[in-house]
């Protein structure tokens, strides 16, 4: 089970933003939910880029810490996306 922990934490980098984005949508149609899931996927990719940058700067680190970096980066992307959405509206 411990070898699955980094993978599960990285998966949380998609599931947490997806839950936040779906919850904040007013309309719950299939198209809106799909759009939210796609944005959550892009946020996870942003988290992977954030984690990759930190890994390059910090050097070798444990796999669990790298996965936590992915989640933190994905949450930063969600916060930025929500901020831009409010600013635009």
PDB file of N, CA and C in Angstrom:
ATOM      1  N   UNK A   1       0.816  -1.196   0.000  1.00  0.00           N
ATOM      2  CA  UNK A   1       0.000   0.000   0.000  1.00  0.00           C
ATOM      3  C   UNK A   1       0.858   1.258   0.000  1.00  0.00           C
ATOM      4  N   UNK A   2       2.010   1.210   0.643  1.00  0.00           N
ATOM      5  CA  UNK A   2       2.846   2.409   0.712  1.00  0.00           C
ATOM      6  C   UNK A   2       3.426   2.779  -0.651  1.00  0.00           C
ATOM      7  N   UNK A   3       3.602   1.801  -1.549  1.00  0.00           N
ATOM      8  CA  UNK A   3       4.105   2.147  -2.870  1.00  0.00           C
ATOM      9  C   UNK A   3       3.023   2.795  -3.735  1.00  0.00           C
ATOM     10  N   UNK A   4       1.751   2.653  -3.349  1.00  0.00           N
ATOM     11  CA  UNK A   4       0.663   3.310  -4.064  1.00  0.00           C
ATOM     12  C   UNK A   4       0.388   4.729  -3.569  1.00  0.00           C
ATOM     13  N   UNK A   5       0.912   5.088  -2.424  1.00  0.00           N
ATOM     14  CA  UNK A   5       0.611   6.379  -1.817  1.00  0.00           C
ATOM     15  C   UNK A   5       0.965   7.569  -2.716  1.00  0.00           C
ATOM     16  N   UNK A   6       2.143   7.624  -3.346  1.00  0.00           N
ATOM     17  CA  UNK A   6       2.415   8.768  -4.235  1.00  0.00           C
ATOM     18  C   UNK A   6       1.434   8.849  -5.409  1.00  0.00           C
ATOM     19  N   UNK A   7       1.036   7.713  -5.944  1.00  0.00           N
ATOM     20  CA  UNK A   7       0.072   7.719  -7.050  1.00  0.00           C
ATOM     21  C   UNK A   7      -1.291   8.219  -6.598  1.00  0.00           C
ATOM     22  N   UNK A   8      -1.711   7.826  -5.416  1.00  0.00           N
ATOM     23  CA  UNK A   8      -3.000   8.278  -4.903  1.00  0.00           C
ATOM     24  C   UNK A   8      -2.977   9.767  -4.592  1.00  0.00           C
ATOM     25  N   UNK A   9      -1.866  10.253  -4.087  1.00  0.00           N
ATOM     26  CA  UNK A   9      -1.749  11.686  -3.814  1.00  0.00           C
ATOM     27  C   UNK A   9      -1.756  12.468  -5.126  1.00  0.00           C
ATOM     28  N   UNK A  10      -1.070  11.970  -6.147  1.00  0.00           N
ATOM     29  CA  UNK A  10      -1.083  12.623  -7.451  1.00  0.00           C
ATOM     30  C   UNK A  10      -2.484  12.615  -8.044  1.00  0.00           C
ATOM     31  N   UNK A  11      -3.221  11.536  -7.878  1.00  0.00           N
ATOM     32  CA  UNK A  11      -4.609  11.473  -8.337  1.00  0.00           C
ATOM     33  C   UNK A  11      -5.461  12.510  -7.628  1.00  0.00           C
ATOM     34  N   UNK A  12      -5.146  12.796  -6.381  1.00  0.00           N
ATOM     35  CA  UNK A  12      -5.852  13.849  -5.652  1.00  0.00           C
ATOM     36  C   UNK A  12      -5.610  15.210  -6.298  1.00  0.00           C
ATOM     37  N   UNK A  13      -4.517  15.356  -7.039  1.00  0.00           N
ATOM     38  CA  UNK A  13      -4.248  16.577  -7.784  1.00  0.00           C
ATOM     39  C   UNK A  13      -5.265  16.815  -8.880  1.00  0.00           C
ATOM     40  N   UNK A  14      -5.991  15.795  -9.290  1.00  0.00           N
ATOM     41  CA  UNK A  14      -7.107  15.951 -10.224  1.00  0.00           C
ATOM     42  C   UNK A  14      -8.441  15.984  -9.483  1.00  0.00           C
ATOM     43  N   UNK A  15      -8.617  15.113  -8.510  1.00  0.00           N
ATOM     44  CA  UNK A  15      -9.916  14.977  -7.855  1.00  0.00           C
ATOM     45  C   UNK A  15     -10.298  16.192  -7.013  1.00  0.00           C
ATOM     46  N   UNK A  16      -9.360  16.780  -6.314  1.00  0.00           N
ATOM     47  CA  UNK A  16      -9.665  17.953  -5.478  1.00  0.00           C
ATOM     48  C   UNK A  16     -10.071  19.145  -6.338  1.00  0.00           C
ATOM     49  N   UNK A  17      -9.296  19.511  -7.378  1.00  0.00           N
ATOM     50  CA  UNK A  17      -9.771  20.608  -8.236  1.00  0.00           C
ATOM     51  C   UNK A  17     -11.091  20.292  -8.932  1.00  0.00           C
ATOM     52  N   UNK A  18     -11.286  19.028  -9.333  1.00  0.00           N
ATOM     53  CA  UNK A  18     -12.548  18.662  -9.987  1.00  0.00           C
ATOM     54  C   UNK A  18     -13.720  18.865  -9.032  1.00  0.00           C
ATOM     55  N   UNK A  19     -13.567  18.458  -7.791  1.00  0.00           N
ATOM     56  CA  UNK A  19     -14.644  18.631  -6.816  1.00  0.00           C
ATOM     57  C   UNK A  19     -14.910  20.111  -6.568  1.00  0.00           C
ATOM     58  N   UNK A  20     -13.863  20.911  -6.475  1.00  0.00           N
ATOM     59  CA  UNK A  20     -14.039  22.346  -6.243  1.00  0.00           C
ATOM     60  C   UNK A  20     -14.757  22.988  -7.426  1.00  0.00           C
ATOM     61  N   UNK A  21     -14.329  22.666  -8.630  1.00  0.00           N
ATOM     62  CA  UNK A  21     -14.908  23.301  -9.809  1.00  0.00           C
ATOM     63  C   UNK A  21     -16.346  22.860 -10.060  1.00  0.00           C
ATOM     64  N   UNK A  22     -16.647  21.591  -9.862  1.00  0.00           N
ATOM     65  CA  UNK A  22     -18.024  21.118 -10.056  1.00  0.00           C
ATOM     66  C   UNK A  22     -18.932  21.714  -8.992  1.00  0.00           C
ATOM     67  N   UNK A  23     -18.456  21.806  -7.762  1.00  0.00           N
ATOM     68  CA  UNK A  23     -19.261  22.354  -6.670  1.00  0.00           C
ATOM     69  C   UNK A  23     -19.583  23.828  -6.906  1.00  0.00           C
ATOM     70  N   UNK A  24     -18.657  24.581  -7.493  1.00  0.00           N
ATOM     71  CA  UNK A  24     -18.854  26.019  -7.666  1.00  0.00           C
ATOM     72  C   UNK A  24     -19.688  26.367  -8.891  1.00  0.00           C
ATOM     73  N   UNK A  25     -19.993  25.400  -9.749  1.00  0.00           N
ATOM     74  CA  UNK A  25     -20.832  25.660 -10.927  1.00  0.00           C
ATOM     75  C   UNK A  25     -22.283  25.813 -10.515  1.00  0.00           C
ATOM     76  N   UNK A  26     -22.945  26.807 -11.092  1.00  0.00           N
ATOM     77  CA  UNK A  26     -24.366  26.984 -10.816  1.00  0.00           C
ATOM     78  C   UNK A  26     -25.206  25.994 -11.616  1.00  0.00           C
ATOM     79  N   UNK A  27     -24.892  25.864 -12.891  1.00  0.00           N
ATOM     80  CA  UNK A  27     -25.608  24.924 -13.753  1.00  0.00           C
ATOM     81  C   UNK A  27     -24.933  23.555 -13.660  1.00  0.00           C
ATOM     82  N   UNK A  28     -25.718  22.531 -13.505  1.00  0.00           N
ATOM     83  CA  UNK A  28     -25.162  21.174 -13.381  1.00  0.00           C
ATOM     84  C   UNK A  28     -25.514  20.311 -14.597  1.00  0.00           C
ATOM     85  N   UNK A  29     -25.413  20.873 -15.784  1.00  0.00           N
ATOM     86  CA  UNK A  29     -25.666  20.090 -16.988  1.00  0.00           C
ATOM     87  C   UNK A  29     -24.432  19.256 -17.325  1.00  0.00           C
ATOM     88  N   UNK A  30     -24.601  18.331 -18.252  1.00  0.00           N
ATOM     89  CA  UNK A  30     -23.488  17.458 -18.632  1.00  0.00           C
ATOM     90  C   UNK A  30     -22.342  18.262 -19.245  1.00  0.00           C
ATOM     91  N   UNK A  31     -22.679  19.257 -20.022  1.00  0.00           N
ATOM     92  CA  UNK A  31     -21.650  20.089 -20.641  1.00  0.00           C
ATOM     93  C   UNK A  31     -20.858  20.889 -19.614  1.00  0.00           C
ATOM     94  N   UNK A  32     -21.546  21.431 -18.615  1.00  0.00           N
ATOM     95  CA  UNK A  32     -20.865  22.201 -17.577  1.00  0.00           C
ATOM     96  C   UNK A  32     -19.956  21.316 -16.726  1.00  0.00           C
ATOM     97  N   UNK A  33     -20.411  20.118 -16.408  1.00  0.00           N
ATOM     98  CA  UNK A  33     -19.595  19.194 -15.620  1.00  0.00           C
ATOM     99  C   UNK A  33     -18.379  18.748 -16.419  1.00  0.00           C
ATOM    100  N   UNK A  34     -18.573  18.469 -17.705  1.00  0.00           N
ATOM    101  CA  UNK A  34     -17.449  18.082 -18.566  1.00  0.00           C
ATOM    102  C   UNK A  34     -16.435  19.216 -18.669  1.00  0.00           C
ATOM    103  N   UNK A  35     -16.931  20.431 -18.791  1.00  0.00           N
ATOM    104  CA  UNK A  35     -16.042  21.594 -18.848  1.00  0.00           C
ATOM    105  C   UNK A  35     -15.240  21.721 -17.554  1.00  0.00           C
ATOM    106  N   UNK A  36     -15.891  21.520 -16.425  1.00  0.00           N
ATOM    107  CA  UNK A  36     -15.201  21.597 -15.130  1.00  0.00           C
ATOM    108  C   UNK A  36     -14.138  20.511 -15.006  1.00  0.00           C
ATOM    109  N   UNK A  37     -14.445  19.305 -15.462  1.00  0.00           N
ATOM    110  CA  UNK A  37     -13.480  18.214 -15.393  1.00  0.00           C
ATOM    111  C   UNK A  37     -12.283  18.464 -16.307  1.00  0.00           C
ATOM    112  N   UNK A  38     -12.539  19.080 -17.455  1.00  0.00           N
ATOM    113  CA  UNK A  38     -11.445  19.407 -18.361  1.00  0.00           C
ATOM    114  C   UNK A  38     -10.541  20.480 -17.756  1.00  0.00           C
ATOM    115  N   UNK A  39     -11.124  21.474 -17.123  1.00  0.00           N
ATOM    116  CA  UNK A  39     -10.328  22.499 -16.454  1.00  0.00           C
ATOM    117  C   UNK A  39      -9.532  21.870 -15.311  1.00  0.00           C
ATOM    118  N   UNK A  40     -10.142  20.928 -14.567  1.00  0.00           N
ATOM    119  CA  UNK A  40      -9.428  20.250 -13.484  1.00  0.00           C
ATOM    120  C   UNK A  40      -8.248  19.444 -14.028  1.00  0.00           C
ATOM    121  N   UNK A  41      -8.416  18.850 -15.201  1.00  0.00           N
ATOM    122  CA  UNK A  41      -7.309  18.119 -15.824  1.00  0.00           C
ATOM    123  C   UNK A  41      -6.164  19.066 -16.180  1.00  0.00           C
ATOM    124  N   UNK A  42      -6.504  20.233 -16.718  1.00  0.00           N
ATOM    125  CA  UNK A  42      -5.468  21.224 -17.021  1.00  0.00           C
ATOM    126  C   UNK A  42      -4.797  21.729 -15.750  1.00  0.00           C
ATOM    127  N   UNK A  43      -5.563  21.841 -14.671  1.00  0.00           N
ATOM    128  CA  UNK A  43      -4.984  22.253 -13.396  1.00  0.00           C
ATOM    129  C   UNK A  43      -4.018  21.185 -12.880  1.00  0.00           C
ATOM    130  N   UNK A  44      -4.355  19.916 -13.091  1.00  0.00           N
ATOM    131  CA  UNK A  44      -3.430  18.860 -12.686  1.00  0.00           C
ATOM    132  C   UNK A  44      -2.143  18.926 -13.518  1.00  0.00           C
ATOM    133  N   UNK A  45      -2.278  19.213 -14.818  1.00  0.00           N
ATOM    134  CA  UNK A  45      -1.089  19.382 -15.652  1.00  0.00           C
ATOM    135  C   UNK A  45      -0.257  20.568 -15.166  1.00  0.00           C
ATOM    136  N   UNK A  46      -0.930  21.638 -14.753  1.00  0.00           N
ATOM    137  CA  UNK A  46      -0.216  22.772 -14.168  1.00  0.00           C
ATOM    138  C   UNK A  46       0.499  22.371 -12.893  1.00  0.00           C
ATOM    139  N   UNK A  47      -0.136  21.507 -12.106  1.00  0.00           N
ATOM    140  CA  UNK A  47       0.502  20.991 -10.903  1.00  0.00           C
ATOM    141  C   UNK A  47       1.716  20.143 -11.218  1.00  0.00           C
ATOM    142  N   UNK A  48       1.647  19.376 -12.295  1.00  0.00           N
ATOM    143  CA  UNK A  48       2.804  18.580 -12.707  1.00  0.00           C
ATOM    144  C   UNK A  48       3.962  19.480 -13.147  1.00  0.00           C
ATOM    145  N   UNK A  49       3.644  20.561 -13.839  1.00  0.00           N
ATOM    146  CA  UNK A  49       4.685  21.514 -14.247  1.00  0.00           C
ATOM    147  C   UNK A  49       5.292  22.181 -13.009  1.00  0.00           C
ATOM    148  N   UNK A  50       4.437  22.573 -12.058  1.00  0.00           N
ATOM    149  CA  UNK A  50       4.904  23.185 -10.813  1.00  0.00           C
ATOM    150  C   UNK A  50       5.816  22.211 -10.068  1.00  0.00           C
ATOM    151  N   UNK A  51       5.403  20.952  -9.966  1.00  0.00           N
ATOM    152  CA  UNK A  51       6.215  19.951  -9.282  1.00  0.00           C
ATOM    153  C   UNK A  51       7.532  19.720 -10.015  1.00  0.00           C
ATOM    154  N   UNK A  52       7.482  19.689 -11.342  1.00  0.00           N
ATOM    155  CA  UNK A  52       8.711  19.515 -12.113  1.00  0.00           C
ATOM    156  C   UNK A  52       9.691  20.651 -11.904  1.00  0.00           C
ATOM    157  N   UNK A  53       9.166  21.871 -11.822  1.00  0.00           N
ATOM    158  CA  UNK A  53      10.039  23.024 -11.571  1.00  0.00           C
ATOM    159  C   UNK A  53      10.670  22.935 -10.191  1.00  0.00           C
ATOM    160  N   UNK A  54       9.875  22.571  -9.191  1.00  0.00           N
ATOM    161  CA  UNK A  54      10.430  22.449  -7.840  1.00  0.00           C
ATOM    162  C   UNK A  54      11.437  21.306  -7.736  1.00  0.00           C
ATOM    163  N   UNK A  55      11.161  20.211  -8.424  1.00  0.00           N
ATOM    164  CA  UNK A  55      12.097  19.084  -8.409  1.00  0.00           C
ATOM    165  C   UNK A  55      13.418  19.498  -9.057  1.00  0.00           C
ATOM    166  N   UNK A  56      13.332  20.285 -10.133  1.00  0.00           N
ATOM    167  CA  UNK A  56      14.561  20.759 -10.779  1.00  0.00           C
ATOM    168  C   UNK A  56      15.344  21.693  -9.872  1.00  0.00           C
ATOM    169  N   UNK A  57      14.637  22.538  -9.131  1.00  0.00           N
ATOM    170  CA  UNK A  57      15.315  23.481  -8.245  1.00  0.00           C
ATOM    171  C   UNK A  57      15.865  22.816  -6.994  1.00  0.00           C
ATOM    172  N   UNK A  58      15.074  21.913  -6.393  1.00  0.00           N
ATOM    173  CA  UNK A  58      15.464  21.315  -5.115  1.00  0.00           C
ATOM    174  C   UNK A  58      16.321  20.073  -5.254  1.00  0.00           C
ATOM    175  N   UNK A  59      16.275  19.451  -6.412  1.00  0.00           N
ATOM    176  CA  UNK A  59      17.035  18.221  -6.603  1.00  0.00           C
ATOM    177  C   UNK A  59      16.221  17.003  -6.203  1.00  0.00           C
ATOM    178  N   UNK A  60      16.913  15.952  -5.876  1.00  0.00           N
ATOM    179  CA  UNK A  60      16.275  14.669  -5.534  1.00  0.00           C
ATOM    180  C   UNK A  60      15.451  14.807  -4.252  1.00  0.00           C
ATOM    181  N   UNK A  61      14.207  14.346  -4.319  1.00  0.00           N
ATOM    182  CA  UNK A  61      13.324  14.368  -3.144  1.00  0.00           C
ATOM    183  C   UNK A  61      12.455  13.115  -3.166  1.00  0.00           C
ATOM    184  N   UNK A  62      11.870  12.751  -2.036  1.00  0.00           N
ATOM    185  CA  UNK A  62      11.036  11.544  -1.983  1.00  0.00           C
ATOM    186  C   UNK A  62       9.804  11.655  -2.899  1.00  0.00           C
ATOM    187  N   UNK A  63       9.316  10.511  -3.317  1.00  0.00           N
ATOM    188  CA  UNK A  63       8.177  10.472  -4.239  1.00  0.00           C
ATOM    189  C   UNK A  63       6.916  11.069  -3.618  1.00  0.00           C
ATOM    190  N   UNK A  64       6.727  10.877  -2.323  1.00  0.00           N
ATOM    191  CA  UNK A  64       5.539  11.431  -1.663  1.00  0.00           C
ATOM    192  C   UNK A  64       5.593  12.952  -1.686  1.00  0.00           C
ATOM    193  N   UNK A  65       6.756  13.519  -1.461  1.00  0.00           N
ATOM    194  CA  UNK A  65       6.906  14.971  -1.489  1.00  0.00           C
ATOM    195  C   UNK A  65       6.651  15.511  -2.893  1.00  0.00           C
ATOM    196  N   UNK A  66       7.123  14.811  -3.906  1.00  0.00           N
ATOM    197  CA  UNK A  66       6.867  15.219  -5.288  1.00  0.00           C
ATOM    198  C   UNK A  66       5.368  15.206  -5.585  1.00  0.00           C
ATOM    199  N   UNK A  67       4.656  14.206  -5.079  1.00  0.00           N
ATOM    200  CA  UNK A  67       3.216  14.129  -5.281  1.00  0.00           C
ATOM    201  C   UNK A  67       2.489  15.256  -4.557  1.00  0.00           C
ATOM    202  N   UNK A  68       2.973  15.617  -3.403  1.00  0.00           N
ATOM    203  CA  UNK A  68       2.385  16.739  -2.670  1.00  0.00           C
ATOM    204  C   UNK A  68       2.608  18.035  -3.443  1.00  0.00           C
ATOM    205  N   UNK A  69       3.758  18.168  -4.102  1.00  0.00           N
ATOM    206  CA  UNK A  69       4.003  19.332  -4.947  1.00  0.00           C
ATOM    207  C   UNK A  69       2.988  19.407  -6.089  1.00  0.00           C
ATOM    208  N   UNK A  70       2.615  18.260  -6.645  1.00  0.00           N
ATOM    209  CA  UNK A  70       1.612  18.226  -7.712  1.00  0.00           C
ATOM    210  C   UNK A  70       0.278  18.757  -7.194  1.00  0.00           C
ATOM    211  N   UNK A  71      -0.137  18.311  -6.022  1.00  0.00           N
ATOM    212  CA  UNK A  71      -1.407  18.752  -5.452  1.00  0.00           C
ATOM    213  C   UNK A  71      -1.365  20.255  -5.157  1.00  0.00           C
ATOM    214  N   UNK A  72      -0.271  20.726  -4.589  1.00  0.00           N
ATOM    215  CA  UNK A  72      -0.142  22.151  -4.294  1.00  0.00           C
ATOM    216  C   UNK A  72      -0.196  22.974  -5.583  1.00  0.00           C
ATOM    217  N   UNK A  73       0.493  22.528  -6.609  1.00  0.00           N
ATOM    218  CA  UNK A  73       0.463  23.237  -7.894  1.00  0.00           C
ATOM    219  C   UNK A  73      -0.914  23.238  -8.518  1.00  0.00           C
ATOM    220  N   UNK A  74      -1.637  22.120  -8.406  1.00  0.00           N
ATOM    221  CA  UNK A  74      -2.998  22.053  -8.949  1.00  0.00           C
ATOM    222  C   UNK A  74      -3.922  22.996  -8.194  1.00  0.00           C
ATOM    223  N   UNK A  75      -3.760  23.083  -6.885  1.00  0.00           N
ATOM    224  CA  UNK A  75      -4.589  24.002  -6.104  1.00  0.00           C
ATOM    225  C   UNK A  75      -4.257  25.456  -6.434  1.00  0.00           C
ATOM    226  N   UNK A  76      -3.005  25.756  -6.682  1.00  0.00           N
ATOM    227  CA  UNK A  76      -2.634  27.115  -7.106  1.00  0.00           C
ATOM    228  C   UNK A  76      -3.299  27.449  -8.439  1.00  0.00           C
ATOM    229  N   UNK A  77      -3.333  26.485  -9.353  1.00  0.00           N
ATOM    230  CA  UNK A  77      -3.989  26.706 -10.647  1.00  0.00           C
ATOM    231  C   UNK A  77      -5.489  26.926 -10.483  1.00  0.00           C
ATOM    232  N   UNK A  78      -6.126  26.171  -9.605  1.00  0.00           N
ATOM    233  CA  UNK A  78      -7.569  26.342  -9.374  1.00  0.00           C
ATOM    234  C   UNK A  78      -7.845  27.711  -8.776  1.00  0.00           C
ATOM    235  N   UNK A  79      -7.037  28.113  -7.815  1.00  0.00           N
ATOM    236  CA  UNK A  79      -7.224  29.426  -7.199  1.00  0.00           C
ATOM    237  C   UNK A  79      -7.048  30.524  -8.254  1.00  0.00           C
ATOM    238  N   UNK A  80      -6.042  30.396  -9.093  1.00  0.00           N
ATOM    239  CA  UNK A  80      -5.834  31.374 -10.159  1.00  0.00           C
ATOM    240  C   UNK A  80      -6.982  31.392 -11.157  1.00  0.00           C
ATOM    241  N   UNK A  81      -7.482  30.222 -11.515  1.00  0.00           N
ATOM    242  CA  UNK A  81      -8.598  30.147 -12.458  1.00  0.00           C
ATOM    243  C   UNK A  81      -9.847  30.777 -11.869  1.00  0.00           C
ATOM    244  N   UNK A  82     -10.127  30.513 -10.615  1.00  0.00           N
ATOM    245  CA  UNK A  82     -11.301  31.093  -9.965  1.00  0.00           C
ATOM    246  C   UNK A  82     -11.144  32.608  -9.828  1.00  0.00           C
ATOM    247  N   UNK A  83      -9.957  33.070  -9.553  1.00  0.00           N
ATOM    248  CA  UNK A  83      -9.704  34.499  -9.422  1.00  0.00           C
ATOM    249  C   UNK A  83      -9.929  35.210 -10.754  1.00  0.00           C
ATOM    250  N   UNK A  84      -9.395  34.637 -11.857  1.00  0.00           N
ATOM    251  CA  UNK A  84      -9.601  35.231 -13.171  1.00  0.00           C
ATOM    252  C   UNK A  84     -11.064  35.191 -13.586  1.00  0.00           C
ATOM    253  N   UNK A  85     -11.765  34.129 -13.215  1.00  0.00           N
ATOM    254  CA  UNK A  85     -13.180  34.020 -13.563  1.00  0.00           C
ATOM    255  C   UNK A  85     -13.993  35.090 -12.835  1.00  0.00           C
ATOM    256  N   UNK A  86     -13.707  35.324 -11.577  1.00  0.00           N
ATOM    257  CA  UNK A  86     -14.409  36.386 -10.829  1.00  0.00           C
ATOM    258  C   UNK A  86     -14.053  37.763 -11.364  1.00  0.00           C
ATOM    259  N   UNK A  87     -12.789  37.957 -11.720  1.00  0.00           N
ATOM    260  CA  UNK A  87     -12.359  39.256 -12.219  1.00  0.00           C
ATOM    261  C   UNK A  87     -13.028  39.559 -13.563  1.00  0.00           C
ATOM    262  N   UNK A  88     -13.221  38.534 -14.384  1.00  0.00           N
ATOM    263  CA  UNK A  88     -13.848  38.712 -15.693  1.00  0.00           C
ATOM    264  C   UNK A  88     -15.335  38.979 -15.574  1.00  0.00           C
ATOM    265  N   UNK A  89     -15.975  38.418 -14.561  1.00  0.00           N
ATOM    266  CA  UNK A  89     -17.431  38.572 -14.409  1.00  0.00           C
ATOM    267  C   UNK A  89     -17.837  39.871 -13.770  1.00  0.00           C
TER     268      UNK A  89
END
